Amino acid sequence: MPNKAIIVGIRKYPELPPELEGPKNDAEMFRNWVVTHGGVAAGDAKLILGQEPPPVSALNANPTEQTLLFEFDQLATLAEQNGGCLGDRLYLYLSGHGFGQSLNDA
């Protein structure tokens, strides 16, 4: 079975400064690496980027939690169809701000 990857890069979160320069580029570079050297077919490397231009409000921001959950649900369904196996590796790459209810809670 082929390897899989879920790659996320979000450079701007509504109502949360500052805008970051690296996450989008880093996610794209990781996707390139995982496809060329990581044993993941291009169609099995899911790249999820924050919307451009960045949204003004969190109410209409993408990607949403549901976007990520959908990708994991797709993997779970595929594993069920293949006797619990997805491949040798699942790469997860998440780049962007970390945040929590307080600065010590990220």
C-alpha atoms as a PDB file:
ATOM      1  CA  MET A   1       0.000   0.000   0.000  1.00  0.00           C
ATOM      2  CA  PRO A   2       1.221   3.511  -0.725  1.00  0.00           C
ATOM      3  CA  ASN A   3       2.328   5.919   1.975  1.00  0.00           C
ATOM      4  CA  LYS A   4       0.096   8.899   2.813  1.00  0.00           C
ATOM      5  CA  ALA A   5       0.632  12.496   3.945  1.00  0.00           C
ATOM      6  CA  ILE A   6      -1.548  15.268   5.373  1.00  0.00           C
ATOM      7  CA  ILE A   7       0.215  18.627   5.187  1.00  0.00           C
ATOM      8  CA  VAL A   8      -1.154  21.878   6.604  1.00  0.00           C
ATOM      9  CA  GLY A   9       0.253  25.394   6.283  1.00  0.00           C
ATOM     10  CA  ILE A  10      -1.589  28.407   7.698  1.00  0.00           C
ATOM     11  CA  ARG A  11       0.193  31.756   7.708  1.00  0.00           C
ATOM     12  CA  LYS A  12      -2.581  34.041   8.976  1.00  0.00           C
ATOM     13  CA  TYR A  13      -5.289  33.437  11.523  1.00  0.00           C
ATOM     14  CA  PRO A  14      -8.111  35.972  11.734  1.00  0.00           C
ATOM     15  CA  GLU A  15      -7.922  38.161  14.814  1.00  0.00           C
ATOM     16  CA  LEU A  16      -4.584  36.611  15.840  1.00  0.00           C
ATOM     17  CA  PRO A  17      -1.434  38.582  14.955  1.00  0.00           C
ATOM     18  CA  PRO A  18       1.127  38.388  13.554  1.00  0.00           C
ATOM     19  CA  GLU A  19       0.885  37.106  10.008  1.00  0.00           C
ATOM     20  CA  LEU A  20       3.577  34.475   9.473  1.00  0.00           C
ATOM     21  CA  GLU A  21       5.742  34.276   6.366  1.00  0.00           C
ATOM     22  CA  GLY A  22       6.921  30.662   6.537  1.00  0.00           C
ATOM     23  CA  PRO A  23       4.075  28.162   7.010  1.00  0.00           C
ATOM     24  CA  LYS A  24       2.696  28.172   3.452  1.00  0.00           C
ATOM     25  CA  ASN A  25       6.142  27.918   1.863  1.00  0.00           C
ATOM     26  CA  ASP A  26       7.290  25.312   4.390  1.00  0.00           C
ATOM     27  CA  ALA A  27       4.191  23.169   3.793  1.00  0.00           C
ATOM     28  CA  GLU A  28       4.666  23.353   0.023  1.00  0.00           C
ATOM     29  CA  MET A  29       8.347  22.437   0.382  1.00  0.00           C
ATOM     30  CA  PHE A  30       7.483  19.500   2.665  1.00  0.00           C
ATOM     31  CA  ARG A  31       4.902  18.263   0.161  1.00  0.00           C
ATOM     32  CA  ASN A  32       7.524  18.447  -2.582  1.00  0.00           C
ATOM     33  CA  TRP A  33       9.981  16.495  -0.426  1.00  0.00           C
ATOM     34  CA  VAL A  34       7.472  13.824   0.629  1.00  0.00           C
ATOM     35  CA  VAL A  35       6.471  13.261  -3.017  1.00  0.00           C
ATOM     36  CA  THR A  36      10.028  13.177  -4.372  1.00  0.00           C
ATOM     37  CA  HIS A  37      11.859  11.452  -1.486  1.00  0.00           C
ATOM     38  CA  GLY A  38       9.289  10.251   1.066  1.00  0.00           C
ATOM     39  CA  GLY A  39       7.612   7.543  -0.978  1.00  0.00           C
ATOM     40  CA  VAL A  40       4.226   9.304  -1.219  1.00  0.00           C
ATOM     41  CA  ALA A  41       2.414   9.547  -4.555  1.00  0.00           C
ATOM     42  CA  ALA A  42       1.293  13.073  -5.454  1.00  0.00           C
ATOM     43  CA  GLY A  43      -2.371  12.100  -5.094  1.00  0.00           C
ATOM     44  CA  ASP A  44      -1.737  10.721  -1.600  1.00  0.00           C
ATOM     45  CA  ALA A  45      -0.111  13.932  -0.300  1.00  0.00           C
ATOM     46  CA  LYS A  46      -2.995  16.151   0.828  1.00  0.00           C
ATOM     47  CA  LEU A  47      -1.911  19.794   1.012  1.00  0.00           C
ATOM     48  CA  ILE A  48      -4.222  22.052   3.015  1.00  0.00           C
ATOM     49  CA  LEU A  49      -3.372  25.759   3.027  1.00  0.00           C
ATOM     50  CA  GLY A  50      -4.977  28.760   4.659  1.00  0.00           C
ATOM     51  CA  GLN A  51      -7.038  30.887   2.338  1.00  0.00           C
ATOM     52  CA  GLU A  52      -5.543  33.794   0.425  1.00  0.00           C
ATOM     53  CA  PRO A  53      -6.097  36.595   1.058  1.00  0.00           C
ATOM     54  CA  PRO A  54      -6.459  35.761   4.733  1.00  0.00           C
ATOM     55  CA  PRO A  55      -9.988  36.198   6.103  1.00  0.00           C
ATOM     56  CA  VAL A  56     -10.909  39.160   8.262  1.00  0.00           C
ATOM     57  CA  SER A  57     -13.072  37.169  10.661  1.00  0.00           C
ATOM     58  CA  ALA A  58     -12.693  33.733  12.233  1.00  0.00           C
ATOM     59  CA  LEU A  59     -16.339  32.984  11.388  1.00  0.00           C
ATOM     60  CA  ASN A  60     -15.536  32.476   7.704  1.00  0.00           C
ATOM     61  CA  ALA A  61     -11.950  31.236   7.945  1.00  0.00           C
ATOM     62  CA  ASN A  62     -10.688  28.208   6.060  1.00  0.00           C
ATOM     63  CA  PRO A  63      -9.482  25.582   6.449  1.00  0.00           C
ATOM     64  CA  THR A  64     -11.831  24.539   9.215  1.00  0.00           C
ATOM     65  CA  GLU A  65     -11.497  21.728  11.725  1.00  0.00           C
ATOM     66  CA  GLN A  66     -13.955  19.810   9.531  1.00  0.00           C
ATOM     67  CA  THR A  67     -11.524  20.016   6.604  1.00  0.00           C
ATOM     68  CA  LEU A  68      -8.869  18.206   8.626  1.00  0.00           C
ATOM     69  CA  LEU A  69     -11.327  15.712  10.118  1.00  0.00           C
ATOM     70  CA  PHE A  70     -12.519  14.861   6.606  1.00  0.00           C
ATOM     71  CA  GLU A  71      -8.985  13.878   5.576  1.00  0.00           C
ATOM     72  CA  PHE A  72      -8.587  11.654   8.651  1.00  0.00           C
ATOM     73  CA  ASP A  73     -12.006  10.107   8.005  1.00  0.00           C
ATOM     74  CA  GLN A  74     -10.916   9.347   4.432  1.00  0.00           C
ATOM     75  CA  LEU A  75      -7.849   7.554   5.785  1.00  0.00           C
ATOM     76  CA  ALA A  76      -9.935   5.588   8.310  1.00  0.00           C
ATOM     77  CA  THR A  77     -12.329   4.480   5.569  1.00  0.00           C
ATOM     78  CA  LEU A  78      -9.433   3.434   3.340  1.00  0.00           C
ATOM     79  CA  ALA A  79      -7.856   1.483   6.202  1.00  0.00           C
ATOM     80  CA  GLU A  80     -11.154  -0.331   6.876  1.00  0.00           C
ATOM     81  CA  GLN A  81     -11.388  -1.265   3.201  1.00  0.00           C
ATOM     82  CA  ASN A  82      -7.845  -2.662   3.291  1.00  0.00           C
ATOM     83  CA  GLY A  83      -7.959  -4.764   6.436  1.00  0.00           C
ATOM     84  CA  GLY A  84      -6.689  -2.015   8.728  1.00  0.00           C
ATOM     85  CA  CYS A  85      -3.637  -1.144   6.625  1.00  0.00           C
ATOM     86  CA  LEU A  86      -2.805   2.198   4.996  1.00  0.00           C
ATOM     87  CA  GLY A  87       0.838   1.723   4.091  1.00  0.00           C
ATOM     88  CA  ASP A  88       4.191   1.896   5.798  1.00  0.00           C
ATOM     89  CA  ARG A  89       4.065   5.586   6.742  1.00  0.00           C
ATOM     90  CA  LEU A  90       1.626   8.372   7.451  1.00  0.00           C
ATOM     91  CA  TYR A  91       3.315  11.771   7.374  1.00  0.00           C
ATOM     92  CA  LEU A  92       1.665  14.607   9.310  1.00  0.00           C
ATOM     93  CA  TYR A  93       3.025  18.116   8.854  1.00  0.00           C
ATOM     94  CA  LEU A  94       1.384  21.084  10.583  1.00  0.00           C
ATOM     95  CA  SER A  95       2.787  24.576  10.254  1.00  0.00           C
ATOM     96  CA  GLY A  96       1.353  27.792  11.662  1.00  0.00           C
ATOM     97  CA  HIS A  97       0.594  29.506  14.946  1.00  0.00           C
ATOM     98  CA  GLY A  98      -0.003  27.370  17.968  1.00  0.00           C
ATOM     99  CA  PHE A  99      -2.566  28.784  20.356  1.00  0.00           C
ATOM    100  CA  GLY A 100      -4.572  27.888  23.417  1.00  0.00           C
ATOM    101  CA  GLN A 101      -6.620  29.537  26.107  1.00  0.00           C
ATOM    102  CA  SER A 102      -3.491  31.182  27.483  1.00  0.00           C
ATOM    103  CA  LEU A 103       0.125  31.650  26.388  1.00  0.00           C
ATOM    104  CA  ASN A 104       1.166  28.689  28.566  1.00  0.00           C
ATOM    105  CA  ASP A 105      -1.575  26.473  27.157  1.00  0.00           C
ATOM    106  CA  ALA A 106      -0.636  26.215  23.460  1.00  0.00           C
END
